[in-house]
N, C-alpha and C. Protein backbone atom coordinates (compact mmCIF):
# COMPACT_ATOMS: atom_id res chain seq x y z
N MET A 1 14.13 -8.71 36.12
CA MET A 1 13.69 -7.33 35.89
C MET A 1 14.24 -6.87 34.53
N PRO A 2 13.38 -6.28 33.65
CA PRO A 2 13.85 -5.84 32.35
C PRO A 2 14.84 -4.69 32.48
N SER A 3 15.77 -4.62 31.53
CA SER A 3 16.77 -3.55 31.55
C SER A 3 16.12 -2.22 31.19
N PRO A 4 16.64 -1.09 31.70
CA PRO A 4 16.08 0.22 31.39
C PRO A 4 16.07 0.49 29.89
N LYS A 5 15.06 1.20 29.45
CA LYS A 5 14.90 1.50 28.04
C LYS A 5 15.98 2.46 27.56
N PHE A 6 16.69 2.09 26.49
CA PHE A 6 17.72 2.96 25.91
C PHE A 6 17.05 4.00 25.03
N LEU A 7 17.48 5.25 25.17
CA LEU A 7 16.95 6.34 24.36
C LEU A 7 18.06 6.90 23.48
N SER A 8 17.89 6.79 22.19
CA SER A 8 18.89 7.33 21.27
C SER A 8 18.66 8.83 21.08
N LYS A 9 19.60 9.49 20.46
CA LYS A 9 19.45 10.91 20.17
C LYS A 9 18.26 11.15 19.26
N GLU A 10 18.04 10.22 18.34
CA GLU A 10 16.90 10.33 17.43
C GLU A 10 15.59 10.22 18.19
N ASP A 11 15.57 9.37 19.22
CA ASP A 11 14.36 9.24 20.05
C ASP A 11 14.05 10.56 20.74
N ILE A 12 15.08 11.17 21.32
CA ILE A 12 14.90 12.43 22.03
C ILE A 12 14.43 13.52 21.08
N LEU A 13 15.06 13.62 19.91
CA LEU A 13 14.70 14.66 18.93
C LEU A 13 13.26 14.47 18.43
N ARG A 14 12.88 13.21 18.23
CA ARG A 14 11.51 12.94 17.79
C ARG A 14 10.50 13.36 18.86
N ALA A 15 10.83 13.08 20.11
CA ALA A 15 9.95 13.48 21.21
C ALA A 15 9.87 15.00 21.32
N MET A 16 10.99 15.67 21.11
CA MET A 16 11.00 17.14 21.17
C MET A 16 10.15 17.75 20.07
N GLN A 17 10.15 17.14 18.92
CA GLN A 17 9.36 17.65 17.79
C GLN A 17 7.86 17.52 18.04
N ASN A 18 7.48 16.59 18.89
CA ASN A 18 6.07 16.32 19.12
C ASN A 18 5.55 16.86 20.44
N THR A 19 6.39 17.54 21.21
CA THR A 19 5.97 18.03 22.52
C THR A 19 6.47 19.45 22.75
N LYS A 20 6.06 20.03 23.87
CA LYS A 20 6.39 21.42 24.19
C LYS A 20 7.34 21.57 25.36
N SER A 21 7.71 20.48 26.01
CA SER A 21 8.57 20.57 27.18
C SER A 21 9.25 19.24 27.43
N ASN A 22 10.22 19.23 28.35
CA ASN A 22 10.88 17.98 28.72
C ASN A 22 9.91 17.01 29.40
N HIS A 23 8.99 17.55 30.19
CA HIS A 23 7.98 16.70 30.81
C HIS A 23 7.16 15.99 29.73
N GLY A 24 6.76 16.79 28.73
CA GLY A 24 5.97 16.21 27.64
C GLY A 24 6.77 15.21 26.83
N ALA A 25 8.05 15.47 26.63
CA ALA A 25 8.90 14.55 25.87
C ALA A 25 9.04 13.22 26.60
N ALA A 26 9.21 13.27 27.92
CA ALA A 26 9.31 12.03 28.70
C ALA A 26 8.01 11.24 28.61
N ARG A 27 6.90 11.93 28.68
CA ARG A 27 5.60 11.27 28.56
C ARG A 27 5.44 10.67 27.17
N PHE A 28 5.89 11.39 26.14
CA PHE A 28 5.81 10.91 24.77
C PHE A 28 6.58 9.60 24.60
N LEU A 29 7.72 9.51 25.26
CA LEU A 29 8.56 8.31 25.17
C LEU A 29 8.19 7.24 26.19
N ARG A 30 7.17 7.53 27.01
CA ARG A 30 6.66 6.59 28.00
C ARG A 30 7.75 6.16 28.99
N CYS A 31 8.40 7.17 29.54
CA CYS A 31 9.41 6.90 30.56
C CYS A 31 9.35 8.01 31.59
N SER A 32 10.05 7.82 32.69
CA SER A 32 10.06 8.85 33.73
C SER A 32 10.90 10.05 33.28
N LEU A 33 10.66 11.18 33.92
CA LEU A 33 11.41 12.38 33.59
C LEU A 33 12.88 12.20 33.90
N ASN A 34 13.21 11.56 35.01
CA ASN A 34 14.61 11.33 35.37
C ASN A 34 15.32 10.45 34.35
N HIS A 35 14.61 9.42 33.87
CA HIS A 35 15.19 8.53 32.87
C HIS A 35 15.42 9.30 31.57
N TYR A 36 14.47 10.14 31.22
CA TYR A 36 14.60 10.96 30.00
C TYR A 36 15.80 11.90 30.11
N LYS A 37 15.92 12.57 31.27
CA LYS A 37 17.01 13.53 31.45
C LYS A 37 18.38 12.86 31.42
N LYS A 38 18.42 11.62 31.83
CA LYS A 38 19.68 10.88 31.82
C LYS A 38 20.31 10.88 30.43
N TYR A 39 19.48 10.83 29.40
CA TYR A 39 19.97 10.82 28.03
C TYR A 39 19.95 12.22 27.41
N ALA A 40 18.91 13.01 27.73
CA ALA A 40 18.78 14.33 27.13
C ALA A 40 19.90 15.28 27.55
N THR A 41 20.49 15.03 28.72
CA THR A 41 21.60 15.89 29.17
C THR A 41 22.94 15.45 28.57
N VAL A 42 22.96 14.31 27.90
CA VAL A 42 24.19 13.83 27.26
C VAL A 42 24.28 14.28 25.81
N TYR A 43 23.15 14.22 25.11
CA TYR A 43 23.14 14.59 23.69
C TYR A 43 23.16 16.10 23.54
N VAL A 44 23.96 16.58 22.59
CA VAL A 44 24.16 18.03 22.40
C VAL A 44 23.67 18.44 21.02
N ASP A 45 23.01 19.61 20.99
CA ASP A 45 22.59 20.19 19.73
C ASP A 45 23.78 20.91 19.10
N GLU A 46 24.18 20.46 17.93
CA GLU A 46 25.40 20.99 17.31
C GLU A 46 25.26 22.47 16.94
N ALA A 47 24.08 22.92 16.60
CA ALA A 47 23.89 24.30 16.16
C ALA A 47 24.05 25.30 17.31
N THR A 48 23.58 24.94 18.50
CA THR A 48 23.60 25.87 19.64
C THR A 48 24.63 25.49 20.70
N GLY A 49 25.06 24.25 20.72
CA GLY A 49 25.98 23.80 21.75
C GLY A 49 25.30 23.46 23.06
N LEU A 50 23.96 23.53 23.08
CA LEU A 50 23.20 23.21 24.29
C LEU A 50 22.84 21.73 24.29
N THR A 51 22.69 21.20 25.50
CA THR A 51 22.19 19.82 25.57
C THR A 51 20.72 19.82 25.16
N LEU A 52 20.22 18.69 24.73
CA LEU A 52 18.83 18.61 24.31
C LEU A 52 17.89 18.90 25.47
N ASN A 53 18.32 18.58 26.68
CA ASN A 53 17.51 18.90 27.86
C ASN A 53 17.38 20.40 28.04
N GLU A 54 18.49 21.13 27.90
CA GLU A 54 18.45 22.58 28.03
C GLU A 54 17.67 23.21 26.89
N LEU A 55 17.82 22.65 25.71
CA LEU A 55 17.16 23.21 24.52
C LEU A 55 15.65 23.09 24.60
N HIS A 56 15.18 22.07 25.30
CA HIS A 56 13.73 21.82 25.32
C HIS A 56 13.07 22.30 26.60
N LYS A 57 13.80 23.03 27.43
CA LYS A 57 13.20 23.57 28.65
C LYS A 57 12.13 24.60 28.27
N ASN A 58 11.04 24.59 29.03
CA ASN A 58 9.93 25.51 28.75
C ASN A 58 9.33 25.95 30.06
N ALA A 59 10.12 26.71 30.80
CA ALA A 59 9.70 27.13 32.14
C ALA A 59 8.45 28.01 32.10
N SER A 60 8.28 28.77 31.01
CA SER A 60 7.13 29.67 30.92
C SER A 60 5.85 28.95 30.52
N GLY A 61 5.99 27.71 30.07
CA GLY A 61 4.80 26.95 29.67
C GLY A 61 4.23 27.38 28.34
N LYS A 62 5.05 27.98 27.48
CA LYS A 62 4.58 28.46 26.18
C LYS A 62 4.07 27.29 25.34
N GLY A 63 2.84 27.46 24.81
CA GLY A 63 2.26 26.44 23.94
C GLY A 63 1.59 25.30 24.66
N ILE A 64 1.66 25.29 26.00
CA ILE A 64 1.03 24.23 26.78
C ILE A 64 -0.31 24.72 27.30
N PRO A 65 -1.39 23.95 27.15
CA PRO A 65 -2.69 24.38 27.67
C PRO A 65 -2.59 24.76 29.14
N LYS A 66 -3.36 25.77 29.54
CA LYS A 66 -3.26 26.28 30.91
C LYS A 66 -3.51 25.21 31.96
N PHE A 67 -4.43 24.28 31.66
CA PHE A 67 -4.73 23.29 32.68
C PHE A 67 -3.62 22.26 32.83
N LEU A 68 -2.59 22.33 31.95
CA LEU A 68 -1.44 21.44 32.09
C LEU A 68 -0.21 22.19 32.56
N SER A 69 -0.31 23.50 32.69
CA SER A 69 0.84 24.30 33.12
C SER A 69 0.69 24.69 34.57
N ASN A 70 1.64 25.46 35.05
CA ASN A 70 1.58 25.90 36.45
C ASN A 70 0.92 27.26 36.59
N LYS A 71 0.37 27.78 35.48
CA LYS A 71 -0.26 29.09 35.52
C LYS A 71 -1.76 28.95 35.43
N GLY A 72 -2.47 30.01 35.89
CA GLY A 72 -3.91 30.02 35.78
C GLY A 72 -4.58 29.10 36.78
N LYS A 73 -5.90 29.19 36.82
CA LYS A 73 -6.67 28.37 37.75
C LYS A 73 -6.72 26.93 37.27
N LYS A 74 -6.44 26.01 38.11
CA LYS A 74 -6.53 24.61 37.76
C LYS A 74 -7.04 23.82 38.96
N ALA A 75 -7.60 22.68 38.66
CA ALA A 75 -8.16 21.88 39.74
C ALA A 75 -7.06 21.31 40.62
N PRO A 76 -7.18 21.46 41.93
CA PRO A 76 -6.19 20.86 42.85
C PRO A 76 -6.41 19.36 42.92
N LEU A 77 -5.56 18.62 42.24
CA LEU A 77 -5.76 17.18 42.13
C LEU A 77 -5.74 16.46 43.47
N LYS A 78 -4.86 16.89 44.36
CA LYS A 78 -4.75 16.20 45.65
C LYS A 78 -6.07 16.26 46.42
N GLU A 79 -6.73 17.42 46.36
CA GLU A 79 -8.02 17.55 47.05
C GLU A 79 -9.10 16.72 46.38
N LEU A 80 -9.07 16.69 45.03
CA LEU A 80 -10.06 15.91 44.30
C LEU A 80 -9.88 14.42 44.57
N ILE A 81 -8.64 13.98 44.58
CA ILE A 81 -8.35 12.57 44.83
C ILE A 81 -8.71 12.18 46.26
N ALA A 82 -8.47 13.11 47.17
CA ALA A 82 -8.78 12.84 48.58
C ALA A 82 -10.28 12.91 48.87
N GLY A 83 -11.05 13.48 47.93
CA GLY A 83 -12.49 13.59 48.12
C GLY A 83 -12.91 14.77 48.96
N THR A 84 -11.99 15.71 49.20
CA THR A 84 -12.33 16.89 50.01
C THR A 84 -12.82 18.05 49.17
N LEU A 85 -12.83 17.87 47.83
CA LEU A 85 -13.28 18.93 46.93
C LEU A 85 -14.17 18.31 45.87
N SER A 86 -15.29 18.99 45.57
CA SER A 86 -16.23 18.47 44.59
C SER A 86 -15.70 18.66 43.17
N ILE A 87 -15.95 17.69 42.33
CA ILE A 87 -15.51 17.72 40.94
C ILE A 87 -16.40 18.63 40.10
N GLU A 88 -17.55 19.03 40.59
CA GLU A 88 -18.55 19.72 39.80
C GLU A 88 -18.06 21.05 39.23
N SER A 89 -17.07 21.66 39.84
CA SER A 89 -16.58 22.96 39.37
C SER A 89 -15.52 22.84 38.29
N PHE A 90 -15.17 21.63 37.89
CA PHE A 90 -14.08 21.43 36.95
C PHE A 90 -14.50 20.50 35.81
N GLU A 91 -13.79 20.60 34.71
CA GLU A 91 -14.12 19.79 33.54
C GLU A 91 -13.46 18.41 33.65
N PRO A 92 -14.25 17.34 33.61
CA PRO A 92 -13.69 15.98 33.75
C PRO A 92 -12.61 15.66 32.72
N ALA A 93 -12.75 16.14 31.49
CA ALA A 93 -11.75 15.83 30.46
C ALA A 93 -10.38 16.39 30.83
N LYS A 94 -10.38 17.59 31.43
CA LYS A 94 -9.11 18.20 31.84
C LYS A 94 -8.51 17.46 33.04
N ILE A 95 -9.39 17.03 33.95
CA ILE A 95 -8.91 16.28 35.11
C ILE A 95 -8.26 14.98 34.65
N LYS A 96 -8.89 14.31 33.71
CA LYS A 96 -8.35 13.06 33.18
C LYS A 96 -6.95 13.27 32.59
N GLN A 97 -6.78 14.32 31.81
CA GLN A 97 -5.49 14.58 31.19
C GLN A 97 -4.43 14.93 32.23
N ARG A 98 -4.82 15.66 33.25
CA ARG A 98 -3.85 16.01 34.28
C ARG A 98 -3.46 14.80 35.13
N LEU A 99 -4.41 13.91 35.37
CA LEU A 99 -4.10 12.69 36.11
C LEU A 99 -3.01 11.89 35.40
N VAL A 100 -3.09 11.87 34.07
CA VAL A 100 -2.07 11.18 33.27
C VAL A 100 -0.79 11.98 33.23
N PHE A 101 -0.90 13.27 32.95
CA PHE A 101 0.27 14.13 32.76
C PHE A 101 1.13 14.20 34.02
N GLU A 102 0.47 14.23 35.17
CA GLU A 102 1.21 14.35 36.43
C GLU A 102 1.54 13.00 37.05
N GLY A 103 1.29 11.93 36.33
CA GLY A 103 1.76 10.61 36.74
C GLY A 103 0.92 9.87 37.75
N TYR A 104 -0.32 10.31 37.97
CA TYR A 104 -1.17 9.60 38.93
C TYR A 104 -1.66 8.27 38.36
N ILE A 105 -1.97 8.24 37.06
CA ILE A 105 -2.38 7.00 36.41
C ILE A 105 -1.61 6.86 35.11
N LYS A 106 -1.35 5.62 34.73
CA LYS A 106 -0.59 5.34 33.52
C LYS A 106 -1.53 5.39 32.31
N GLU A 107 -1.05 5.98 31.22
CA GLU A 107 -1.89 6.16 30.04
C GLU A 107 -1.91 4.87 29.21
N GLU A 108 -2.61 3.89 29.72
CA GLU A 108 -2.83 2.64 29.03
C GLU A 108 -4.01 1.93 29.66
N CYS A 109 -4.58 0.97 28.95
CA CYS A 109 -5.72 0.23 29.48
C CYS A 109 -5.28 -0.59 30.68
N SER A 110 -5.99 -0.46 31.77
CA SER A 110 -5.63 -1.18 32.99
C SER A 110 -5.89 -2.67 32.89
N ARG A 111 -6.68 -3.09 31.88
CA ARG A 111 -7.01 -4.50 31.72
C ARG A 111 -6.09 -5.21 30.72
N CYS A 112 -5.92 -4.61 29.54
CA CYS A 112 -5.17 -5.30 28.48
C CYS A 112 -3.87 -4.60 28.10
N GLY A 113 -3.62 -3.41 28.67
CA GLY A 113 -2.37 -2.70 28.40
C GLY A 113 -2.36 -1.92 27.09
N PHE A 114 -3.50 -1.81 26.42
CA PHE A 114 -3.57 -1.09 25.14
C PHE A 114 -3.12 0.36 25.32
N HIS A 115 -2.24 0.85 24.42
CA HIS A 115 -1.79 2.25 24.49
C HIS A 115 -1.41 2.80 23.11
N GLU A 116 -2.05 2.30 22.07
CA GLU A 116 -1.75 2.77 20.72
C GLU A 116 -2.41 4.12 20.46
N GLU A 117 -1.71 4.96 19.70
CA GLU A 117 -2.21 6.30 19.37
C GLU A 117 -2.98 6.28 18.06
N ARG A 118 -4.01 7.10 18.00
CA ARG A 118 -4.74 7.25 16.74
C ARG A 118 -3.87 8.03 15.77
N LEU A 119 -3.90 7.64 14.51
CA LEU A 119 -3.03 8.26 13.52
C LEU A 119 -3.37 9.72 13.28
N GLN A 120 -4.67 10.07 13.34
CA GLN A 120 -5.06 11.43 12.96
C GLN A 120 -4.73 12.48 14.01
N ASP A 121 -4.65 12.11 15.28
CA ASP A 121 -4.39 13.14 16.30
C ASP A 121 -3.45 12.67 17.42
N GLN A 122 -2.89 11.47 17.31
CA GLN A 122 -1.95 10.92 18.29
C GLN A 122 -2.55 10.78 19.69
N LYS A 123 -3.86 10.74 19.80
CA LYS A 123 -4.50 10.52 21.09
C LYS A 123 -4.68 9.03 21.32
N ILE A 124 -4.60 8.63 22.58
CA ILE A 124 -4.82 7.23 22.93
C ILE A 124 -6.27 7.09 23.39
N PRO A 125 -7.08 6.31 22.66
CA PRO A 125 -8.51 6.20 23.00
C PRO A 125 -8.75 5.39 24.26
N LEU A 126 -8.81 6.08 25.37
CA LEU A 126 -9.05 5.45 26.67
C LEU A 126 -10.17 6.18 27.39
N ILE A 127 -10.92 5.45 28.18
CA ILE A 127 -12.04 6.01 28.93
C ILE A 127 -11.77 5.86 30.42
N LEU A 128 -11.97 6.93 31.16
CA LEU A 128 -11.79 6.87 32.61
C LEU A 128 -13.02 6.21 33.23
N GLN A 129 -12.80 5.09 33.91
CA GLN A 129 -13.89 4.34 34.51
C GLN A 129 -13.86 4.47 36.03
N PHE A 130 -15.04 4.44 36.62
CA PHE A 130 -15.19 4.56 38.07
C PHE A 130 -15.74 3.24 38.60
N LYS A 131 -14.96 2.56 39.41
CA LYS A 131 -15.31 1.21 39.84
C LYS A 131 -16.61 1.16 40.63
N ASP A 132 -16.91 2.22 41.40
CA ASP A 132 -18.14 2.22 42.18
C ASP A 132 -19.28 2.92 41.45
N ARG A 133 -19.04 3.28 40.17
CA ARG A 133 -20.02 3.94 39.31
C ARG A 133 -20.35 5.36 39.76
N ASN A 134 -19.61 5.86 40.70
CA ASN A 134 -19.79 7.24 41.17
C ASN A 134 -18.76 8.12 40.46
N LYS A 135 -19.20 8.89 39.48
CA LYS A 135 -18.29 9.68 38.66
C LYS A 135 -17.77 10.93 39.37
N LYS A 136 -18.10 11.07 40.63
CA LYS A 136 -17.55 12.16 41.43
C LYS A 136 -16.46 11.66 42.37
N ASN A 137 -16.25 10.36 42.40
CA ASN A 137 -15.26 9.76 43.30
C ASN A 137 -13.96 9.53 42.55
N TYR A 138 -13.01 10.43 42.74
CA TYR A 138 -11.73 10.37 42.03
C TYR A 138 -10.61 9.77 42.88
N GLU A 139 -10.96 9.02 43.91
CA GLU A 139 -9.92 8.34 44.67
C GLU A 139 -9.18 7.39 43.75
N LEU A 140 -7.86 7.32 43.89
CA LEU A 140 -7.05 6.53 42.96
C LEU A 140 -7.45 5.06 42.94
N GLU A 141 -7.95 4.55 44.06
CA GLU A 141 -8.37 3.15 44.11
C GLU A 141 -9.67 2.93 43.35
N ASN A 142 -10.35 4.03 43.01
CA ASN A 142 -11.67 3.92 42.38
C ASN A 142 -11.64 4.20 40.88
N ILE A 143 -10.55 4.72 40.36
CA ILE A 143 -10.51 5.09 38.94
C ILE A 143 -9.49 4.24 38.19
N GLU A 144 -9.78 4.00 36.93
CA GLU A 144 -8.87 3.27 36.06
C GLU A 144 -9.19 3.61 34.61
N LEU A 145 -8.17 3.59 33.78
CA LEU A 145 -8.36 3.82 32.35
C LEU A 145 -8.59 2.49 31.65
N MET A 146 -9.53 2.47 30.73
CA MET A 146 -9.79 1.27 29.94
C MET A 146 -9.93 1.66 28.47
N CYS A 147 -9.51 0.76 27.59
CA CYS A 147 -9.74 0.97 26.17
C CYS A 147 -11.24 0.76 25.90
N TYR A 148 -11.68 1.11 24.72
CA TYR A 148 -13.10 1.00 24.42
C TYR A 148 -13.58 -0.46 24.47
N ASN A 149 -12.74 -1.37 24.04
CA ASN A 149 -13.13 -2.77 24.05
C ASN A 149 -13.32 -3.28 25.47
N CYS A 150 -12.34 -3.03 26.33
CA CYS A 150 -12.45 -3.49 27.72
C CYS A 150 -13.55 -2.75 28.47
N SER A 151 -13.78 -1.49 28.10
CA SER A 151 -14.87 -0.73 28.72
C SER A 151 -16.21 -1.42 28.44
N TYR A 152 -16.36 -1.88 27.21
CA TYR A 152 -17.60 -2.54 26.83
C TYR A 152 -17.74 -3.90 27.52
N LEU A 153 -16.61 -4.59 27.69
CA LEU A 153 -16.65 -5.94 28.25
C LEU A 153 -16.73 -5.97 29.76
N TYR A 154 -15.98 -5.07 30.42
CA TYR A 154 -15.80 -5.20 31.86
C TYR A 154 -16.39 -4.06 32.69
N ALA A 155 -16.74 -2.95 32.05
CA ALA A 155 -17.25 -1.81 32.81
C ALA A 155 -18.64 -1.44 32.33
N VAL A 156 -19.21 -0.43 32.95
CA VAL A 156 -20.48 0.09 32.47
C VAL A 156 -20.23 0.66 31.08
N SER A 157 -20.89 0.11 30.08
CA SER A 157 -20.59 0.46 28.69
C SER A 157 -20.84 1.94 28.43
N PRO A 158 -19.84 2.64 27.85
CA PRO A 158 -20.03 4.05 27.52
C PRO A 158 -20.90 4.24 26.29
N ILE A 159 -21.21 3.14 25.61
CA ILE A 159 -22.04 3.20 24.42
C ILE A 159 -23.30 2.38 24.66
N SER A 160 -24.44 3.02 24.56
CA SER A 160 -25.69 2.33 24.81
C SER A 160 -26.08 1.48 23.60
N GLU A 161 -26.98 0.54 23.85
CA GLU A 161 -27.46 -0.30 22.75
C GLU A 161 -28.15 0.54 21.69
N LYS A 162 -28.82 1.60 22.11
CA LYS A 162 -29.49 2.49 21.16
C LYS A 162 -28.48 3.17 20.25
N GLN A 163 -27.34 3.59 20.82
CA GLN A 163 -26.29 4.22 20.02
C GLN A 163 -25.67 3.22 19.05
N VAL A 164 -25.47 1.98 19.50
CA VAL A 164 -24.91 0.95 18.63
C VAL A 164 -25.85 0.71 17.45
N THR A 165 -27.15 0.62 17.73
CA THR A 165 -28.12 0.39 16.67
C THR A 165 -28.09 1.52 15.65
N SER A 166 -28.03 2.76 16.13
CA SER A 166 -28.02 3.90 15.21
C SER A 166 -26.76 3.94 14.37
N MET A 167 -25.63 3.44 14.91
CA MET A 167 -24.38 3.43 14.14
C MET A 167 -24.35 2.31 13.12
N GLU A 168 -25.01 1.19 13.43
CA GLU A 168 -24.96 0.03 12.55
C GLU A 168 -26.08 0.01 11.52
N HIS A 169 -27.20 0.65 11.82
CA HIS A 169 -28.35 0.59 10.93
C HIS A 169 -28.11 1.44 9.70
N TYR A 170 -28.52 0.93 8.54
CA TYR A 170 -28.29 1.68 7.30
C TYR A 170 -29.20 2.90 7.19
N ILE A 171 -30.28 2.95 7.99
CA ILE A 171 -31.16 4.12 8.02
C ILE A 171 -30.85 4.89 9.28
N ASP A 172 -30.40 6.14 9.11
CA ASP A 172 -30.03 6.94 10.28
C ASP A 172 -31.24 7.34 11.09
N LYS A 173 -32.34 7.65 10.41
CA LYS A 173 -33.53 8.11 11.13
C LYS A 173 -34.76 7.56 10.44
N GLN A 174 -35.65 6.98 11.21
CA GLN A 174 -36.85 6.42 10.65
C GLN A 174 -37.77 7.53 10.18
N ALA A 175 -38.20 7.46 8.92
CA ALA A 175 -39.09 8.49 8.37
C ALA A 175 -40.46 8.36 9.03
N PRO A 176 -41.09 9.50 9.37
CA PRO A 176 -42.42 9.44 10.00
C PRO A 176 -43.48 9.00 8.99
N GLU A 177 -44.53 8.39 9.50
CA GLU A 177 -45.63 7.99 8.65
C GLU A 177 -46.33 9.23 8.09
N PRO A 178 -46.66 9.23 6.77
CA PRO A 178 -47.36 10.39 6.20
C PRO A 178 -48.74 10.54 6.81
N ASP A 179 -49.13 11.75 7.07
CA ASP A 179 -50.42 12.02 7.68
C ASP A 179 -51.08 13.17 6.92
N PHE A 180 -52.07 12.85 6.08
CA PHE A 180 -52.72 13.90 5.31
C PHE A 180 -54.15 13.47 5.00
N GLU A 181 -54.97 14.42 4.62
CA GLU A 181 -56.35 14.16 4.22
C GLU A 181 -56.56 14.66 2.80
N VAL A 182 -57.40 13.95 2.06
CA VAL A 182 -57.71 14.32 0.69
C VAL A 182 -58.97 15.18 0.69
N GLY A 183 -58.87 16.36 0.07
CA GLY A 183 -60.02 17.25 0.00
C GLY A 183 -61.08 16.76 -0.98
N ASP A 184 -62.27 17.37 -0.93
CA ASP A 184 -63.39 16.95 -1.78
C ASP A 184 -63.05 17.11 -3.26
N ALA A 185 -62.43 18.22 -3.62
CA ALA A 185 -62.11 18.46 -5.03
C ALA A 185 -61.14 17.42 -5.55
N MET A 186 -60.13 17.08 -4.74
CA MET A 186 -59.16 16.06 -5.17
C MET A 186 -59.81 14.69 -5.24
N ARG A 187 -60.75 14.40 -4.30
CA ARG A 187 -61.44 13.12 -4.33
C ARG A 187 -62.25 12.97 -5.61
N GLU A 188 -62.97 14.03 -5.99
CA GLU A 188 -63.76 13.99 -7.22
C GLU A 188 -62.87 13.80 -8.44
N HIS A 189 -61.72 14.46 -8.42
CA HIS A 189 -60.80 14.33 -9.55
C HIS A 189 -60.26 12.90 -9.66
N LEU A 190 -59.91 12.30 -8.52
CA LEU A 190 -59.41 10.92 -8.52
C LEU A 190 -60.49 9.94 -8.94
N GLN A 191 -61.75 10.22 -8.52
CA GLN A 191 -62.85 9.36 -8.92
C GLN A 191 -63.06 9.39 -10.43
N SER A 192 -62.90 10.59 -11.01
CA SER A 192 -63.07 10.71 -12.47
C SER A 192 -61.99 9.95 -13.23
N LEU A 193 -60.86 9.76 -12.59
CA LEU A 193 -59.77 9.02 -13.21
C LEU A 193 -59.80 7.53 -12.89
N GLY A 194 -60.76 7.17 -12.05
CA GLY A 194 -60.83 5.77 -11.65
C GLY A 194 -59.79 5.40 -10.62
N LEU A 195 -59.29 6.38 -9.88
CA LEU A 195 -58.23 6.14 -8.91
C LEU A 195 -58.72 6.24 -7.47
N TRP A 196 -60.03 6.32 -7.29
CA TRP A 196 -60.55 6.47 -5.93
C TRP A 196 -61.67 5.48 -5.68
N LYS A 197 -61.62 4.83 -4.55
CA LYS A 197 -62.69 3.96 -4.10
C LYS A 197 -63.02 4.29 -2.67
N GLU A 198 -64.31 4.31 -2.37
CA GLU A 198 -64.71 4.57 -1.00
C GLU A 198 -64.29 3.42 -0.09
N GLU A 199 -64.41 2.19 -0.62
CA GLU A 199 -63.96 1.02 0.12
C GLU A 199 -62.66 0.54 -0.52
N PHE A 200 -61.60 0.60 0.25
CA PHE A 200 -60.27 0.32 -0.31
C PHE A 200 -59.68 -0.91 0.36
N ASP A 201 -59.28 -1.87 -0.45
CA ASP A 201 -58.64 -3.09 0.05
C ASP A 201 -57.14 -3.02 -0.23
N PRO A 202 -56.31 -2.76 0.77
CA PRO A 202 -54.86 -2.60 0.53
C PRO A 202 -54.17 -3.88 0.08
N THR A 203 -54.85 -5.03 0.23
CA THR A 203 -54.23 -6.29 -0.21
C THR A 203 -54.44 -6.56 -1.69
N ASP A 204 -55.34 -5.78 -2.32
CA ASP A 204 -55.62 -5.96 -3.74
C ASP A 204 -54.72 -5.05 -4.55
N GLY A 205 -53.78 -5.66 -5.30
CA GLY A 205 -52.84 -4.87 -6.08
C GLY A 205 -53.49 -4.01 -7.12
N ASN A 206 -54.68 -4.39 -7.60
CA ASN A 206 -55.36 -3.58 -8.62
C ASN A 206 -55.81 -2.23 -8.10
N ASN A 207 -55.90 -2.12 -6.78
CA ASN A 207 -56.35 -0.85 -6.21
C ASN A 207 -55.28 0.24 -6.28
N TYR A 208 -54.05 -0.16 -6.67
CA TYR A 208 -52.99 0.83 -6.72
C TYR A 208 -52.79 1.39 -8.13
N ILE A 209 -53.61 0.95 -9.09
CA ILE A 209 -53.54 1.50 -10.44
C ILE A 209 -54.94 1.83 -10.91
N SER A 210 -55.06 2.67 -11.94
CA SER A 210 -56.36 3.05 -12.45
C SER A 210 -57.04 1.86 -13.09
N GLU A 211 -58.37 1.73 -12.83
CA GLU A 211 -59.12 0.66 -13.45
C GLU A 211 -59.31 0.91 -14.95
N ASN A 212 -59.11 2.21 -15.34
CA ASN A 212 -59.24 2.52 -16.75
C ASN A 212 -57.98 2.20 -17.54
N TYR A 213 -56.90 1.84 -16.76
CA TYR A 213 -55.63 1.51 -17.44
C TYR A 213 -55.65 0.03 -17.77
N LYS A 214 -55.61 -0.25 -19.06
CA LYS A 214 -55.68 -1.64 -19.52
C LYS A 214 -54.31 -2.25 -19.73
N GLY A 215 -53.32 -1.40 -19.95
CA GLY A 215 -51.98 -1.92 -20.19
C GLY A 215 -51.86 -2.48 -21.59
N ASP A 216 -50.65 -2.92 -21.92
CA ASP A 216 -50.40 -3.47 -23.23
C ASP A 216 -50.80 -4.95 -23.25
N LYS A 217 -51.54 -5.32 -24.20
CA LYS A 217 -51.97 -6.72 -24.35
C LYS A 217 -50.95 -7.49 -25.19
């Protein structure tokens, strides 16, 4: 069994800078709250004399989205997981984040263990997959997080072939075929210039230039 992860004071301070609470700091460091507190209660902030655990307490939930705090209306996860409450009244993205935040599922790919954060927003690109393809079934045995690569390989692909084609093709949108008619006046004008034929052969390159144009000899 691997030894417990050591957390330095710098680790704790870095987690505090990137989160709004001790719960968030523990999640940031990918460890349990109890393991985090084991170290956060030892290290002391020299300016205030408080332990880092006390300094980072946020009982009021200030700065934390309502769906991650204990205030406001939020989806009862236990009922959703048990299947006694319909998911239709709640936003799936918020449910996914709460499942991770409250420790129901680990924030990493269930197939390959991928858990790297994007540089621009520190989010981990994972997709919540439903094993029975029923996106209303949030039973823990039915849901799993997958990275985009494993989602494409092992699950119902979240990206359709049509979307892949549009992303890879150098033309974003196919231009429509021109549809117009030439009026009598324009036809007469083109005929006077030698640019109009009643019988037109598109395979003859000479039909695309004036017959009166001789070019340079």
